[in-house]
Amino acid sequence: MTGIKTEDIISTLQSLNMIRFWKGQHVVFVMQDFLKKYMSEQKRKKKKLRLCDGKYLSWVPHAERKKGGAGSGAGGSD
């Protein structure tokens, strides 16, 4: 199980300016140019990028966890 909370994700997206308010909702907004620039900066700074392999990720929506439908999944309690 992970220790990542909703607030951690929101804070990270806000600090990277990757969350927008559009049509009454918050959406994740990422431009390809931004990703290229970010990755080149990390490489220039000689920082190791930590990428995730999707096969190791498991996520169950909070509403489903409350119902007890698909188990607790990753993400811990919100």
Protein backbone atom coordinates (compact mmCIF):
# COMPACT_ATOMS: atom_id res chain seq x y z
CA MET A 1 0.00 0.00 0.00
CA THR A 2 1.20 3.52 -0.70
CA GLY A 3 1.32 6.61 1.45
CA ILE A 4 0.28 8.99 -1.31
CA LYS A 5 -2.77 11.04 -0.42
CA THR A 6 -5.07 13.08 -2.61
CA GLU A 7 -3.62 16.28 -1.16
CA ASP A 8 -0.09 15.19 -2.18
CA ILE A 9 -1.16 14.71 -5.78
CA ILE A 10 -3.06 18.01 -5.93
CA SER A 11 -0.14 19.90 -4.39
CA THR A 12 2.32 18.40 -6.87
CA LEU A 13 0.09 19.15 -9.86
CA GLN A 14 -0.40 22.73 -8.64
CA SER A 15 3.33 23.30 -8.15
CA LEU A 16 3.97 22.06 -11.70
CA ASN A 17 1.08 24.19 -13.03
CA MET A 18 -0.56 21.06 -14.43
CA ILE A 19 -4.06 21.47 -13.05
CA ARG A 20 -6.67 23.74 -14.64
CA PHE A 21 -10.27 24.72 -13.98
CA TRP A 22 -12.26 24.05 -17.15
CA LYS A 23 -16.02 23.92 -17.68
CA GLY A 24 -16.64 23.88 -13.95
CA GLN A 25 -14.19 21.09 -13.18
CA HIS A 26 -10.55 20.69 -12.27
CA VAL A 27 -8.66 18.83 -14.98
CA VAL A 28 -5.08 17.65 -15.36
CA PHE A 29 -3.53 19.58 -18.21
CA VAL A 30 -0.12 18.62 -19.58
CA MET A 31 1.48 19.98 -22.71
CA GLN A 32 3.98 17.76 -24.52
CA ASP A 33 6.43 20.70 -24.67
CA PHE A 34 6.26 21.01 -20.88
CA LEU A 35 7.16 17.35 -20.41
CA LYS A 36 10.09 17.58 -22.81
CA LYS A 37 11.39 20.72 -21.08
CA TYR A 38 10.95 19.21 -17.60
CA MET A 39 12.74 16.01 -18.54
CA SER A 40 15.63 17.84 -20.19
CA GLU A 41 16.02 20.06 -17.10
CA GLN A 42 16.14 16.99 -14.87
CA LYS A 43 18.74 15.41 -17.13
CA ARG A 44 20.79 18.63 -17.12
CA LYS A 45 20.64 18.71 -13.32
CA LYS A 46 21.70 15.03 -13.36
CA LYS A 47 18.63 14.06 -11.38
CA LYS A 48 17.44 10.50 -11.71
CA LEU A 49 13.93 10.29 -13.13
CA ARG A 50 11.72 7.80 -11.35
CA LEU A 51 9.22 6.33 -13.76
CA CYS A 52 6.40 3.96 -12.84
CA ASP A 53 5.59 0.74 -14.58
CA GLY A 54 1.80 0.66 -14.93
CA LYS A 55 1.62 -3.07 -14.26
CA TYR A 56 2.55 -2.38 -10.62
CA LEU A 57 -0.18 0.22 -10.08
CA SER A 58 -3.58 -0.62 -8.71
CA TRP A 59 -6.32 1.91 -8.12
CA VAL A 60 -9.87 1.59 -6.92
CA PRO A 61 -12.11 4.69 -6.86
CA HIS A 62 -12.91 5.91 -3.37
CA ALA A 63 -16.64 5.26 -3.89
CA GLU A 64 -15.91 1.61 -4.72
CA ARG A 65 -13.72 1.17 -1.63
CA LYS A 66 -16.52 2.53 0.55
CA LYS A 67 -18.95 0.00 -0.91
CA GLY A 68 -16.46 -2.76 -0.21
CA GLY A 69 -16.72 -3.76 -3.86
CA ALA A 70 -13.17 -4.27 -5.14
CA GLY A 71 -11.10 -4.23 -1.95
CA SER A 72 -8.98 -1.43 -0.59
CA GLY A 73 -6.64 -1.03 -3.58
CA ALA A 74 -3.69 1.36 -3.55
CA GLY A 75 -3.82 4.84 -2.18
CA GLY A 76 -4.65 4.22 1.44
CA SER A 77 -7.41 6.18 3.11
CA ASP A 78 -8.26 9.67 1.93
